[in-house]
Amino acid sequence: GGAFTGSVSYNLDQVSEELQDLLYKSYYSQNGIGYNFIRIPI
């Protein structure tokens, strides 16, 4: 998997929702690279 930091959240807000969705699918779907972990800060 990968990390969902404050910087990641901020950068996602800078692009269109359609592109956000494609990036989510690229990482976490079986059509993408199949991630199953997220690391988040407390």
Full PDB file with SEQRES, HELIX, SHEET, SSBOND, CRYST1, ORIGX, SCALE, CONECT and MASTER records, all heavy atoms in Angstrom:
SEQRES   1 A   42  GLY GLY ALA PHE THR GLY SER VAL SER TYR ASN LEU ASP          
SEQRES   2 A   42  GLN VAL SER GLU GLU LEU GLN ASP LEU LEU TYR LYS SER          
SEQRES   3 A   42  TYR TYR SER GLN ASN GLY ILE GLY TYR ASN PHE ILE ARG          
SEQRES   4 A   42  ILE PRO ILE                                                  
HELIX    1 AA1 GLY A    6  ASP A   13  1                                   8    
HELIX    2 AA2 GLU A   17  TYR A   28  1                                  12    
SHEET    1 AA1 2 GLY A   2  ALA A   3  0                                        
SHEET    2 AA1 2 ILE A  38  ARG A  39  1                                        
CRYST1    1.000    1.000    1.000  90.00  90.00  90.00 P 1           1          
ORIGX1      1.000000  0.000000  0.000000        0.00000                         
ORIGX2      0.000000  1.000000  0.000000        0.00000                         
ORIGX3      0.000000  0.000000  1.000000        0.00000                         
SCALE1      1.000000  0.000000  0.000000        0.00000                         
SCALE2      0.000000  1.000000  0.000000        0.00000                         
SCALE3      0.000000  0.000000  1.000000        0.00000                         
ATOM      1  N   GLY A   1       0.812  -1.212   0.000  1.00  0.00           N  
ATOM      2  CA  GLY A   1       0.000   0.000   0.000  1.00  0.00           C  
ATOM      3  C   GLY A   1       0.839   1.254   0.000  1.00  0.00           C  
ATOM      4  O   GLY A   1       2.044   1.235  -0.271  1.00  0.00           O  
ATOM      5  N   GLY A   2       0.190   2.371   0.319  1.00  0.00           N  
ATOM      6  CA  GLY A   2       0.842   3.668   0.371  1.00  0.00           C  
ATOM      7  C   GLY A   2       0.222   4.516   1.460  1.00  0.00           C  
ATOM      8  O   GLY A   2      -0.738   4.102   2.120  1.00  0.00           O  
ATOM      9  N   ALA A   3       0.757   5.717   1.642  1.00  0.00           N  
ATOM     10  CA  ALA A   3       0.329   6.591   2.732  1.00  0.00           C  
ATOM     11  C   ALA A   3      -0.584   7.703   2.231  1.00  0.00           C  
ATOM     12  O   ALA A   3      -0.343   8.299   1.185  1.00  0.00           O  
ATOM     13  CB  ALA A   3       1.543   7.191   3.430  1.00  0.00           C  
ATOM     14  N   PHE A   4      -1.622   7.964   3.036  1.00  0.00           N  
ATOM     15  CA  PHE A   4      -2.597   9.017   2.744  1.00  0.00           C  
ATOM     16  C   PHE A   4      -2.351  10.142   3.738  1.00  0.00           C  
ATOM     17  O   PHE A   4      -2.967  10.206   4.796  1.00  0.00           O  
ATOM     18  CB  PHE A   4      -4.014   8.450   2.889  1.00  0.00           C  
ATOM     19  CG  PHE A   4      -5.007   8.996   1.900  1.00  0.00           C  
ATOM     20  CD1 PHE A   4      -5.850   8.149   1.210  1.00  0.00           C  
ATOM     21  CD2 PHE A   4      -5.100  10.353   1.660  1.00  0.00           C  
ATOM     22  CE1 PHE A   4      -6.778   8.642   0.291  1.00  0.00           C  
ATOM     23  CE2 PHE A   4      -6.020  10.858   0.757  1.00  0.00           C  
ATOM     24  CZ  PHE A   4      -6.860   9.997   0.065  1.00  0.00           C  
ATOM     25  N   THR A   5      -1.416  11.022   3.415  1.00  0.00           N  
ATOM     26  CA  THR A   5      -1.023  12.103   4.311  1.00  0.00           C  
ATOM     27  C   THR A   5      -1.837  13.365   4.039  1.00  0.00           C  
ATOM     28  O   THR A   5      -2.623  13.431   3.088  1.00  0.00           O  
ATOM     29  CB  THR A   5       0.463  12.441   4.104  1.00  0.00           C  
ATOM     30  OG1 THR A   5       0.633  12.906   2.747  1.00  0.00           O  
ATOM     31  CG2 THR A   5       1.349  11.215   4.335  1.00  0.00           C  
ATOM     32  N   GLY A   6      -1.604  14.388   4.867  1.00  0.00           N  
ATOM     33  CA  GLY A   6      -2.246  15.678   4.614  1.00  0.00           C  
ATOM     34  C   GLY A   6      -1.848  16.255   3.282  1.00  0.00           C  
ATOM     35  O   GLY A   6      -2.665  16.898   2.593  1.00  0.00           O  
ATOM     36  N   SER A   7      -0.592  16.044   2.873  1.00  0.00           N  
ATOM     37  CA  SER A   7      -0.140  16.543   1.574  1.00  0.00           C  
ATOM     38  C   SER A   7      -0.859  15.836   0.432  1.00  0.00           C  
ATOM     39  O   SER A   7      -1.215  16.463  -0.576  1.00  0.00           O  
ATOM     40  CB  SER A   7       1.373  16.348   1.431  1.00  0.00           C  
ATOM     41  OG  SER A   7       2.076  17.076   2.411  1.00  0.00           O  
ATOM     42  N   VAL A   8      -1.074  14.521   0.575  1.00  0.00           N  
ATOM     43  CA  VAL A   8      -1.807  13.767  -0.446  1.00  0.00           C  
ATOM     44  C   VAL A   8      -3.226  14.302  -0.556  1.00  0.00           C  
ATOM     45  O   VAL A   8      -3.738  14.549  -1.664  1.00  0.00           O  
ATOM     46  CB  VAL A   8      -1.811  12.254  -0.110  1.00  0.00           C  
ATOM     47  CG1 VAL A   8      -2.778  11.505  -1.024  1.00  0.00           C  
ATOM     48  CG2 VAL A   8      -0.401  11.682  -0.228  1.00  0.00           C  
ATOM     49  N   SER A   9      -3.880  14.502   0.582  1.00  0.00           N  
ATOM     50  CA  SER A   9      -5.251  15.013   0.583  1.00  0.00           C  
ATOM     51  C   SER A   9      -5.318  16.384  -0.091  1.00  0.00           C  
ATOM     52  O   SER A   9      -6.196  16.645  -0.922  1.00  0.00           O  
ATOM     53  CB  SER A   9      -5.764  15.098   2.027  1.00  0.00           C  
ATOM     54  OG  SER A   9      -7.103  15.504   2.065  1.00  0.00           O  
ATOM     55  N   TYR A  10      -4.367  17.244   0.226  1.00  0.00           N  
ATOM     56  CA  TYR A  10      -4.322  18.579  -0.381  1.00  0.00           C  
ATOM     57  C   TYR A  10      -4.141  18.485  -1.889  1.00  0.00           C  
ATOM     58  O   TYR A  10      -4.838  19.172  -2.656  1.00  0.00           O  
ATOM     59  CB  TYR A  10      -3.185  19.388   0.247  1.00  0.00           C  
ATOM     60  CG  TYR A  10      -2.931  20.707  -0.434  1.00  0.00           C  
ATOM     61  CD1 TYR A  10      -3.681  21.840  -0.108  1.00  0.00           C  
ATOM     62  CD2 TYR A  10      -1.953  20.827  -1.429  1.00  0.00           C  
ATOM     63  CE1 TYR A  10      -3.456  23.056  -0.750  1.00  0.00           C  
ATOM     64  CE2 TYR A  10      -1.726  22.034  -2.064  1.00  0.00           C  
ATOM     65  CZ  TYR A  10      -2.480  23.145  -1.736  1.00  0.00           C  
ATOM     66  OH  TYR A  10      -2.275  24.345  -2.369  1.00  0.00           O  
ATOM     67  N   ASN A  11      -3.218  17.655  -2.338  1.00  0.00           N  
ATOM     68  CA  ASN A  11      -2.952  17.545  -3.782  1.00  0.00           C  
ATOM     69  C   ASN A  11      -4.140  16.980  -4.542  1.00  0.00           C  
ATOM     70  O   ASN A  11      -4.392  17.373  -5.687  1.00  0.00           O  
ATOM     71  CB  ASN A  11      -1.711  16.676  -4.012  1.00  0.00           C  
ATOM     72  CG  ASN A  11      -0.420  17.431  -3.769  1.00  0.00           C  
ATOM     73  OD1 ASN A  11      -0.279  18.576  -4.171  1.00  0.00           O  
ATOM     74  ND2 ASN A  11       0.525  16.802  -3.085  1.00  0.00           N  
ATOM     75  N   LEU A  12      -4.862  16.054  -3.927  1.00  0.00           N  
ATOM     76  CA  LEU A  12      -6.058  15.522  -4.585  1.00  0.00           C  
ATOM     77  C   LEU A  12      -7.079  16.629  -4.825  1.00  0.00           C  
ATOM     78  O   LEU A  12      -7.757  16.653  -5.865  1.00  0.00           O  
ATOM     79  CB  LEU A  12      -6.673  14.393  -3.746  1.00  0.00           C  
ATOM     80  CG  LEU A  12      -5.963  13.050  -3.854  1.00  0.00           C  
ATOM     81  CD1 LEU A  12      -6.403  12.112  -2.728  1.00  0.00           C  
ATOM     82  CD2 LEU A  12      -6.222  12.390  -5.208  1.00  0.00           C  
ATOM     83  N   ASP A  13      -7.180  17.550  -3.877  1.00  0.00           N  
ATOM     84  CA  ASP A  13      -8.136  18.652  -4.028  1.00  0.00           C  
ATOM     85  C   ASP A  13      -7.763  19.612  -5.148  1.00  0.00           C  
ATOM     86  O   ASP A  13      -8.584  20.445  -5.545  1.00  0.00           O  
ATOM     87  CB  ASP A  13      -8.243  19.439  -2.711  1.00  0.00           C  
ATOM     88  CG  ASP A  13      -9.024  18.683  -1.655  1.00  0.00           C  
ATOM     89  OD1 ASP A  13      -9.802  17.785  -2.012  1.00  0.00           O  
ATOM     90  OD2 ASP A  13      -8.838  18.992  -0.454  1.00  0.00           O  
ATOM     91  N   GLN A  14      -6.537  19.531  -5.651  1.00  0.00           N  
ATOM     92  CA  GLN A  14      -6.091  20.442  -6.702  1.00  0.00           C  
ATOM     93  C   GLN A  14      -6.459  19.954  -8.103  1.00  0.00           C  
ATOM     94  O   GLN A  14      -6.266  20.680  -9.072  1.00  0.00           O  
ATOM     95  CB  GLN A  14      -4.569  20.636  -6.635  1.00  0.00           C  
ATOM     96  CG  GLN A  14      -4.029  21.041  -5.279  1.00  0.00           C  
ATOM     97  CD  GLN A  14      -4.755  22.226  -4.683  1.00  0.00           C  
ATOM     98  OE1 GLN A  14      -4.827  23.293  -5.297  1.00  0.00           O  
ATOM     99  NE2 GLN A  14      -5.319  22.043  -3.491  1.00  0.00           N  
ATOM    100  N   VAL A  15      -6.950  18.706  -8.212  1.00  0.00           N  
ATOM    101  CA  VAL A  15      -7.301  18.172  -9.530  1.00  0.00           C  
ATOM    102  C   VAL A  15      -8.774  17.810  -9.565  1.00  0.00           C  
ATOM    103  O   VAL A  15      -9.447  17.756  -8.531  1.00  0.00           O  
ATOM    104  CB  VAL A  15      -6.420  16.938  -9.892  1.00  0.00           C  
ATOM    105  CG1 VAL A  15      -4.951  17.329  -9.949  1.00  0.00           C  
ATOM    106  CG2 VAL A  15      -6.641  15.786  -8.906  1.00  0.00           C  
ATOM    107  N   SER A  16      -9.279  17.548 -10.752  1.00  0.00           N  
ATOM    108  CA  SER A  16     -10.704  17.278 -10.929  1.00  0.00           C  
ATOM    109  C   SER A  16     -11.123  15.990 -10.227  1.00  0.00           C  
ATOM    110  O   SER A  16     -10.304  15.081 -10.006  1.00  0.00           O  
ATOM    111  CB  SER A  16     -11.036  17.174 -12.416  1.00  0.00           C  
ATOM    112  OG  SER A  16     -10.337  16.083 -12.994  1.00  0.00           O  
ATOM    113  N   GLU A  17     -12.397  15.905  -9.880  1.00  0.00           N  
ATOM    114  CA  GLU A  17     -12.908  14.691  -9.240  1.00  0.00           C  
ATOM    115  C   GLU A  17     -12.759  13.480 -10.147  1.00  0.00           C  
ATOM    116  O   GLU A  17     -12.508  12.367  -9.679  1.00  0.00           O  
ATOM    117  CB  GLU A  17     -14.383  14.883  -8.846  1.00  0.00           C  
ATOM    118  CG  GLU A  17     -14.567  15.836  -7.675  1.00  0.00           C  
ATOM    119  CD  GLU A  17     -16.010  15.894  -7.221  1.00  0.00           C  
ATOM    120  OE1 GLU A  17     -16.852  15.140  -7.779  1.00  0.00           O  
ATOM    121  OE2 GLU A  17     -16.308  16.692  -6.308  1.00  0.00           O  
ATOM    122  N   GLU A  18     -12.925  13.695 -11.457  1.00  0.00           N  
ATOM    123  CA  GLU A  18     -12.779  12.578 -12.396  1.00  0.00           C  
ATOM    124  C   GLU A  18     -11.364  12.005 -12.342  1.00  0.00           C  
ATOM    125  O   GLU A  18     -11.170  10.791 -12.344  1.00  0.00           O  
ATOM    126  CB  GLU A  18     -13.078  13.030 -13.824  1.00  0.00           C  
ATOM    127  CG  GLU A  18     -14.522  13.457 -14.065  1.00  0.00           C  
ATOM    128  CD  GLU A  18     -14.744  14.948 -13.854  1.00  0.00           C  
ATOM    129  OE1 GLU A  18     -13.944  15.586 -13.123  1.00  0.00           O  
ATOM    130  OE2 GLU A  18     -15.721  15.473 -14.407  1.00  0.00           O  
ATOM    131  N   LEU A  19     -10.357  12.874 -12.265  1.00  0.00           N  
ATOM    132  CA  LEU A  19      -8.977  12.404 -12.184  1.00  0.00           C  
ATOM    133  C   LEU A  19      -8.703  11.764 -10.824  1.00  0.00           C  
ATOM    134  O   LEU A  19      -8.010  10.738 -10.743  1.00  0.00           O  
ATOM    135  CB  LEU A  19      -8.002  13.559 -12.441  1.00  0.00           C  
ATOM    136  CG  LEU A  19      -6.508  13.195 -12.431  1.00  0.00           C  
ATOM    137  CD1 LEU A  19      -6.200  12.061 -13.410  1.00  0.00           C  
ATOM    138  CD2 LEU A  19      -5.659  14.416 -12.746  1.00  0.00           C  
ATOM    139  N   GLN A  20      -9.247  12.340  -9.765  1.00  0.00           N  
ATOM    140  CA  GLN A  20      -9.119  11.720  -8.445  1.00  0.00           C  
ATOM    141  C   GLN A  20      -9.591  10.272  -8.486  1.00  0.00           C  
ATOM    142  O   GLN A  20      -8.899   9.359  -8.003  1.00  0.00           O  
ATOM    143  CB  GLN A  20      -9.935  12.484  -7.410  1.00  0.00           C  
ATOM    144  CG  GLN A  20      -9.411  13.857  -7.053  1.00  0.00           C  
ATOM    145  CD  GLN A  20     -10.312  14.552  -6.036  1.00  0.00           C  
ATOM    146  OE1 GLN A  20     -10.798  13.938  -5.089  1.00  0.00           O  
ATOM    147  NE2 GLN A  20     -10.550  15.833  -6.240  1.00  0.00           N  
ATOM    148  N   ASP A  21     -10.760  10.046  -9.063  1.00  0.00           N  
ATOM    149  CA  ASP A  21     -11.323   8.694  -9.112  1.00  0.00           C  
ATOM    150  C   ASP A  21     -10.434   7.743  -9.903  1.00  0.00           C  
ATOM    151  O   ASP A  21     -10.244   6.578  -9.526  1.00  0.00           O  
ATOM    152  CB  ASP A  21     -12.724   8.721  -9.726  1.00  0.00           C  
ATOM    153  CG  ASP A  21     -13.774   9.272  -8.763  1.00  0.00           C  
ATOM    154  OD1 ASP A  21     -13.429   9.512  -7.587  1.00  0.00           O  
ATOM    155  OD2 ASP A  21     -14.926   9.478  -9.192  1.00  0.00           O  
ATOM    156  N   LEU A  22      -9.883   8.230 -11.017  1.00  0.00           N  
ATOM    157  CA  LEU A  22      -9.000   7.383 -11.821  1.00  0.00           C  
ATOM    158  C   LEU A  22      -7.735   7.015 -11.045  1.00  0.00           C  
ATOM    159  O   LEU A  22      -7.216   5.902 -11.157  1.00  0.00           O  
ATOM    160  CB  LEU A  22      -8.638   8.085 -13.127  1.00  0.00           C  
ATOM    161  CG  LEU A  22      -9.770   8.209 -14.148  1.00  0.00           C  
ATOM    162  CD1 LEU A  22      -9.341   9.081 -15.317  1.00  0.00           C  
ATOM    163  CD2 LEU A  22     -10.209   6.836 -14.648  1.00  0.00           C  
ATOM    164  N   LEU A  23      -7.246   7.937 -10.215  1.00  0.00           N  
ATOM    165  CA  LEU A  23      -6.059   7.649  -9.412  1.00  0.00           C  
ATOM    166  C   LEU A  23      -6.386   6.675  -8.289  1.00  0.00           C  
ATOM    167  O   LEU A  23      -5.585   5.784  -7.973  1.00  0.00           O  
ATOM    168  CB  LEU A  23      -5.461   8.948  -8.870  1.00  0.00           C  
ATOM    169  CG  LEU A  23      -4.925   9.895  -9.947  1.00  0.00           C  
ATOM    170  CD1 LEU A  23      -4.431  11.193  -9.324  1.00  0.00           C  
ATOM    171  CD2 LEU A  23      -3.814   9.237 -10.769  1.00  0.00           C  
ATOM    172  N   TYR A  24      -7.556   6.828  -7.667  1.00  0.00           N  
ATOM    173  CA  TYR A  24      -7.980   5.848  -6.667  1.00  0.00           C  
ATOM    174  C   TYR A  24      -8.027   4.450  -7.274  1.00  0.00           C  
ATOM    175  O   TYR A  24      -7.548   3.472  -6.688  1.00  0.00           O  
ATOM    176  CB  TYR A  24      -9.373   6.202  -6.126  1.00  0.00           C  
ATOM    177  CG  TYR A  24      -9.453   7.451  -5.291  1.00  0.00           C  
ATOM    178  CD1 TYR A  24     -10.621   8.217  -5.294  1.00  0.00           C  
ATOM    179  CD2 TYR A  24      -8.388   7.874  -4.495  1.00  0.00           C  
ATOM    180  CE1 TYR A  24     -10.732   9.374  -4.522  1.00  0.00           C  
ATOM    181  CE2 TYR A  24      -8.495   9.027  -3.720  1.00  0.00           C  
ATOM    182  CZ  TYR A  24      -9.669   9.761  -3.738  1.00  0.00           C  
ATOM    183  OH  TYR A  24      -9.776  10.902  -2.974  1.00  0.00           O  
ATOM    184  N   LYS A  25      -8.633   4.359  -8.459  1.00  0.00           N  
ATOM    185  CA  LYS A  25      -8.742   3.054  -9.131  1.00  0.00           C  
ATOM    186  C   LYS A  25      -7.369   2.529  -9.541  1.00  0.00           C  
ATOM    187  O   LYS A  25      -7.114   1.325  -9.485  1.00  0.00           O  
ATOM    188  CB  LYS A  25      -9.663   3.175 -10.353  1.00  0.00           C  
ATOM    189  CG  LYS A  25     -11.123   3.379  -9.985  1.00  0.00           C  
ATOM    190  CD  LYS A  25     -11.957   3.879 -11.155  1.00  0.00           C  
ATOM    191  CE  LYS A  25     -12.145   2.838 -12.206  1.00  0.00           C  
ATOM    192  NZ  LYS A  25     -13.086   3.331 -13.259  1.00  0.00           N  
ATOM    193  N   SER A  26      -6.482   3.457  -9.957  1.00  0.00           N  
ATOM    194  CA  SER A  26      -5.145   3.034 -10.367  1.00  0.00           C  
ATOM    195  C   SER A  26      -4.412   2.339  -9.225  1.00  0.00           C  
ATOM    196  O   SER A  26      -3.665   1.381  -9.439  1.00  0.00           O  
ATOM    197  CB  SER A  26      -4.331   4.241 -10.841  1.00  0.00           C  
ATOM    198  OG  SER A  26      -4.849   4.745 -12.054  1.00  0.00           O  
ATOM    199  N   TYR A  27      -4.608   2.827  -8.029  1.00  0.00           N  
ATOM    200  CA  TYR A  27      -3.921   2.239  -6.885  1.00  0.00           C  
ATOM    201  C   TYR A  27      -4.653   1.044  -6.282  1.00  0.00           C  
ATOM    202  O   TYR A  27      -4.034   0.017  -5.971  1.00  0.00           O  
ATOM    203  CB  TYR A  27      -3.721   3.283  -5.787  1.00  0.00           C  
ATOM    204  CG  TYR A  27      -2.429   4.055  -5.880  1.00  0.00           C  
ATOM    205  CD1 TYR A  27      -2.433   5.448  -6.007  1.00  0.00           C  
ATOM    206  CD2 TYR A  27      -1.201   3.410  -5.808  1.00  0.00           C  
ATOM    207  CE1 TYR A  27      -1.238   6.164  -6.061  1.00  0.00           C  
ATOM    208  CE2 TYR A  27      -0.004   4.107  -5.868  1.00  0.00           C  
ATOM    209  CZ  TYR A  27      -0.028   5.487  -5.989  1.00  0.00           C  
ATOM    210  OH  TYR A  27       1.144   6.182  -6.048  1.00  0.00           O  
ATOM    211  N   TYR A  28      -5.970   1.154  -6.097  1.00  0.00           N  
ATOM    212  CA  TYR A  28      -6.651   0.202  -5.217  1.00  0.00           C  
ATOM    213  C   TYR A  28      -7.570  -0.789  -5.903  1.00  0.00           C  
ATOM    214  O   TYR A  28      -8.101  -1.688  -5.254  1.00  0.00           O  
ATOM    215  CB  TYR A  28      -7.398   0.963  -4.109  1.00  0.00           C  
ATOM    216  CG  TYR A  28      -6.426   1.462  -3.053  1.00  0.00           C  
ATOM    217  CD1 TYR A  28      -5.846   2.720  -3.151  1.00  0.00           C  
ATOM    218  CD2 TYR A  28      -6.052   0.648  -1.997  1.00  0.00           C  
ATOM    219  CE1 TYR A  28      -4.923   3.167  -2.212  1.00  0.00           C  
ATOM    220  CE2 TYR A  28      -5.140   1.074  -1.047  1.00  0.00           C  
ATOM    221  CZ  TYR A  28      -4.578   2.334  -1.166  1.00  0.00           C  
ATOM    222  OH  TYR A  28      -3.658   2.750  -0.235  1.00  0.00           O  
ATOM    223  N   SER A  29      -7.765  -0.682  -7.221  1.00  0.00           N  
ATOM    224  CA  SER A  29      -8.621  -1.657  -7.894  1.00  0.00           C  
ATOM    225  C   SER A  29      -7.785  -2.779  -8.488  1.00  0.00           C  
ATOM    226  O   SER A  29      -6.565  -2.668  -8.632  1.00  0.00           O  
ATOM    227  CB  SER A  29      -9.430  -0.980  -9.009  1.00  0.00           C  
ATOM    228  OG  SER A  29      -8.603  -0.732 -10.144  1.00  0.00           O  
ATOM    229  N   GLN A  30      -8.451  -3.864  -8.859  1.00  0.00           N  
ATOM    230  CA  GLN A  30      -7.772  -4.971  -9.528  1.00  0.00           C  
ATOM    231  C   GLN A  30      -7.414  -4.618 -10.964  1.00  0.00           C  
ATOM    232  O   GLN A  30      -6.603  -5.297 -11.583  1.00  0.00           O  
ATOM    233  CB  GLN A  30      -8.631  -6.238  -9.487  1.00  0.00           C  
ATOM    234  CG  GLN A  30      -8.611  -6.936  -8.135  1.00  0.00           C  
ATOM    235  CD  GLN A  30      -7.197  -7.310  -7.698  1.00  0.00           C  
ATOM    236  OE1 GLN A  30      -6.589  -6.651  -6.858  1.00  0.00           O  
ATOM    237  NE2 GLN A  30      -6.657  -8.357  -8.280  1.00  0.00           N  
ATOM    238  N   ASN A  31      -8.017  -3.561 -11.493  1.00  0.00           N  
ATOM    239  CA  ASN A  31      -7.597  -3.048 -12.801  1.00  0.00           C  
ATOM    240  C   ASN A  31      -6.368  -2.156 -12.690  1.00  0.00           C  
ATOM    241  O   ASN A  31      -5.744  -1.824 -13.691  1.00  0.00           O  
ATOM    242  CB  ASN A  31      -8.730  -2.255 -13.462  1.00  0.00           C  
ATOM    243  CG  ASN A  31      -9.960  -3.110 -13.690  1.00  0.00           C  
ATOM    244  OD1 ASN A  31     -10.899  -3.025 -12.918  1.00  0.00           O  
ATOM    245  ND2 ASN A  31      -9.948  -3.930 -14.710  1.00  0.00           N  
ATOM    246  N   GLY A  32      -6.057  -1.775 -11.437  1.00  0.00           N  
ATOM    247  CA  GLY A  32      -4.862  -0.986 -11.170  1.00  0.00           C  
ATOM    248  C   GLY A  32      -3.789  -1.890 -10.591  1.00  0.00           C  
ATOM    249  O   GLY A  32      -3.536  -2.976 -11.113  1.00  0.00           O  
ATOM    250  N   ILE A  33      -3.168  -1.434  -9.483  1.00  0.00           N  
ATOM    251  CA  ILE A  33      -2.088  -2.252  -8.918  1.00  0.00           C  
ATOM    252  C   ILE A  33      -2.475  -2.922  -7.603  1.00  0.00           C  
ATOM    253  O   ILE A  33      -1.626  -3.455  -6.904  1.00  0.00           O  
ATOM    254  CB  ILE A  33      -0.779  -1.452  -8.766  1.00  0.00           C  
ATOM    255  CG1 ILE A  33      -0.928  -0.264  -7.824  1.00  0.00           C  
ATOM    256  CG2 ILE A  33      -0.285  -0.991 -10.139  1.00  0.00           C  
ATOM    257  CD1 ILE A  33       0.416   0.420  -7.503  1.00  0.00           C  
ATOM    258  N   GLY A  34      -3.778  -2.929  -7.288  1.00  0.00           N  
ATOM    259  CA  GLY A  34      -4.293  -3.820  -6.254  1.00  0.00           C  
ATOM    260  C   GLY A  34      -3.820  -3.574  -4.837  1.00  0.00           C  
ATOM    261  O   GLY A  34      -3.736  -4.505  -4.033  1.00  0.00           O  
ATOM    262  N   TYR A  35      -3.522  -2.329  -4.480  1.00  0.00           N  
ATOM    263  CA  TYR A  35      -3.143  -2.029  -3.093  1.00  0.00           C  
ATOM    264  C   TYR A  35      -4.223  -2.487  -2.113  1.00  0.00           C  
ATOM    265  O   TYR A  35      -5.422  -2.417  -2.415  1.00  0.00           O  
ATOM    266  CB  TYR A  35      -2.958  -0.517  -2.925  1.00  0.00           C  
ATOM    267  CG  TYR A  35      -1.566   0.019  -3.161  1.00  0.00           C  
ATOM    268  CD1 TYR A  35      -0.535  -0.752  -3.678  1.00  0.00           C  
ATOM    269  CD2 TYR A  35      -1.277   1.353  -2.853  1.00  0.00           C  
ATOM    270  CE1 TYR A  35       0.729  -0.215  -3.883  1.00  0.00           C  
ATOM    271  CE2 TYR A  35      -0.019   1.893  -3.047  1.00  0.00           C  
ATOM    272  CZ  TYR A  35       0.982   1.100  -3.563  1.00  0.00           C  
ATOM    273  OH  TYR A  35       2.225   1.645  -3.758  1.00  0.00           O  
ATOM    274  N   ASN A  36      -3.804  -2.900  -0.914  1.00  0.00           N  
ATOM    275  CA  ASN A  36      -4.782  -3.219   0.136  1.00  0.00           C  
ATOM    276  C   ASN A  36      -4.399  -2.613   1.490  1.00  0.00           C  
ATOM    277  O   ASN A  36      -4.999  -2.958   2.504  1.00  0.00           O  
ATOM    278  CB  ASN A  36      -4.971  -4.733   0.276  1.00  0.00           C  
ATOM    279  CG  ASN A  36      -3.753  -5.429   0.857  1.00  0.00           C  
ATOM    280  OD1 ASN A  36      -2.629  -5.019   0.622  1.00  0.00           O  
ATOM    281  ND2 ASN A  36      -3.979  -6.500   1.611  1.00  0.00           N  
ATOM    282  N   PHE A  37      -3.397  -1.712   1.507  1.00  0.00           N  
ATOM    283  CA  PHE A  37      -2.999  -1.038   2.742  1.00  0.00           C  
ATOM    284  C   PHE A  37      -3.003   0.469   2.547  1.00  0.00           C  
ATOM    285  O   PHE A  37      -2.669   0.974   1.469  1.00  0.00           O  
ATOM    286  CB  PHE A  37      -1.576  -1.448   3.156  1.00  0.00           C  
ATOM    287  CG  PHE A  37      -1.517  -2.551   4.183  1.00  0.00           C  
ATOM    288  CD1 PHE A  37      -1.232  -3.847   3.792  1.00  0.00           C  
ATOM    289  CD2 PHE A  37      -1.741  -2.286   5.534  1.00  0.00           C  
ATOM    290  CE1 PHE A  37      -1.174  -4.879   4.724  1.00  0.00           C  
ATOM    291  CE2 PHE A  37      -1.676  -3.307   6.476  1.00  0.00           C  
ATOM    292  CZ  PHE A  37      -1.381  -4.609   6.077  1.00  0.00           C  
ATOM    293  N   ILE A  38      -3.360   1.191   3.616  1.00  0.00           N  
ATOM    294  CA  ILE A  38      -3.197   2.637   3.697  1.00  0.00           C  
ATOM    295  C   ILE A  38      -2.550   2.944   5.042  1.00  0.00           C  
ATOM    296  O   ILE A  38      -2.964   2.417   6.072  1.00  0.00           O  
ATOM    297  CB  ILE A  38      -4.540   3.396   3.624  1.00  0.00           C  
ATOM    298  CG1 ILE A  38      -5.242   3.163   2.292  1.00  0.00           C  
ATOM    299  CG2 ILE A  38      -4.325   4.895   3.834  1.00  0.00           C  
ATOM    300  CD1 ILE A  38      -6.617   3.816   2.222  1.00  0.00           C  
ATOM    301  N   ARG A  39      -1.538   3.797   5.031  1.00  0.00           N  
ATOM    302  CA  ARG A  39      -0.960   4.308   6.277  1.00  0.00           C  
ATOM    303  C   ARG A  39      -1.409   5.750   6.433  1.00  0.00           C  
ATOM    304  O   ARG A  39      -1.320   6.544   5.494  1.00  0.00           O  
ATOM    305  CB  ARG A  39       0.563   4.217   6.242  1.00  0.00           C  
ATOM    306  CG  ARG A  39       1.262   4.645   7.531  1.00  0.00           C  
ATOM    307  CD  ARG A  39       2.751   4.389   7.405  1.00  0.00           C  
ATOM    308  NE  ARG A  39       3.509   4.754   8.586  1.00  0.00           N  
ATOM    309  CZ  ARG A  39       4.580   5.550   8.588  1.00  0.00           C  
ATOM    310  NH1 ARG A  39       5.009   6.075   7.439  1.00  0.00           N  
ATOM    311  NH2 ARG A  39       5.233   5.818   9.709  1.00  0.00           N  
ATOM    312  N   ILE A  40      -1.918   6.078   7.620  1.00  0.00           N  
ATOM    313  CA  ILE A  40      -2.383   7.433   7.894  1.00  0.00           C  
ATOM    314  C   ILE A  40      -1.710   7.950   9.164  1.00  0.00           C  
ATOM    315  O   ILE A  40      -1.348   7.178  10.054  1.00  0.00           O  
ATOM    316  CB  ILE A  40      -3.916   7.513   8.050  1.00  0.00           C  
ATOM    317  CG1 ILE A  40      -4.396   6.660   9.232  1.00  0.00           C  
ATOM    318  CG2 ILE A  40      -4.610   7.098   6.762  1.00  0.00           C  
ATOM    319  CD1 ILE A  40      -5.862   6.875   9.580  1.00  0.00           C  
ATOM    320  N   PRO A  41      -1.529   9.271   9.268  1.00  0.00           N  
ATOM    321  CA  PRO A  41      -0.972   9.837  10.502  1.00  0.00           C  
ATOM    322  C   PRO A  41      -2.059  10.031  11.561  1.00  0.00           C  
ATOM    323  O   PRO A  41      -3.231  10.228  11.242  1.00  0.00           O  
ATOM    324  CB  PRO A  41      -0.405  11.182  10.055  1.00  0.00           C  
ATOM    325  CG  PRO A  41      -1.211  11.548   8.849  1.00  0.00           C  
ATOM    326  CD  PRO A  41      -1.674  10.270   8.211  1.00  0.00           C  
ATOM    327  N   ILE A  42      -1.639   9.961  12.819  1.00  0.00           N  
ATOM    328  CA  ILE A  42      -2.500  10.353  13.940  1.00  0.00           C  
ATOM    329  C   ILE A  42      -2.093  11.778  14.286  1.00  0.00           C  
ATOM    330  O   ILE A  42      -1.038  12.013  14.866  1.00  0.00           O  
ATOM    331  CB  ILE A  42      -2.318   9.420  15.149  1.00  0.00           C  
ATOM    332  CG1 ILE A  42      -2.624   7.965  14.768  1.00  0.00           C  
ATOM    333  CG2 ILE A  42      -3.206   9.865  16.312  1.00  0.00           C  
ATOM    334  CD1 ILE A  42      -2.343   6.957  15.890  1.00  0.00           C  
TER     335      ILE A  42                                                      
MASTER        0    0    0    2    2    0    0    6  334    1    0    4          
END                                                                             
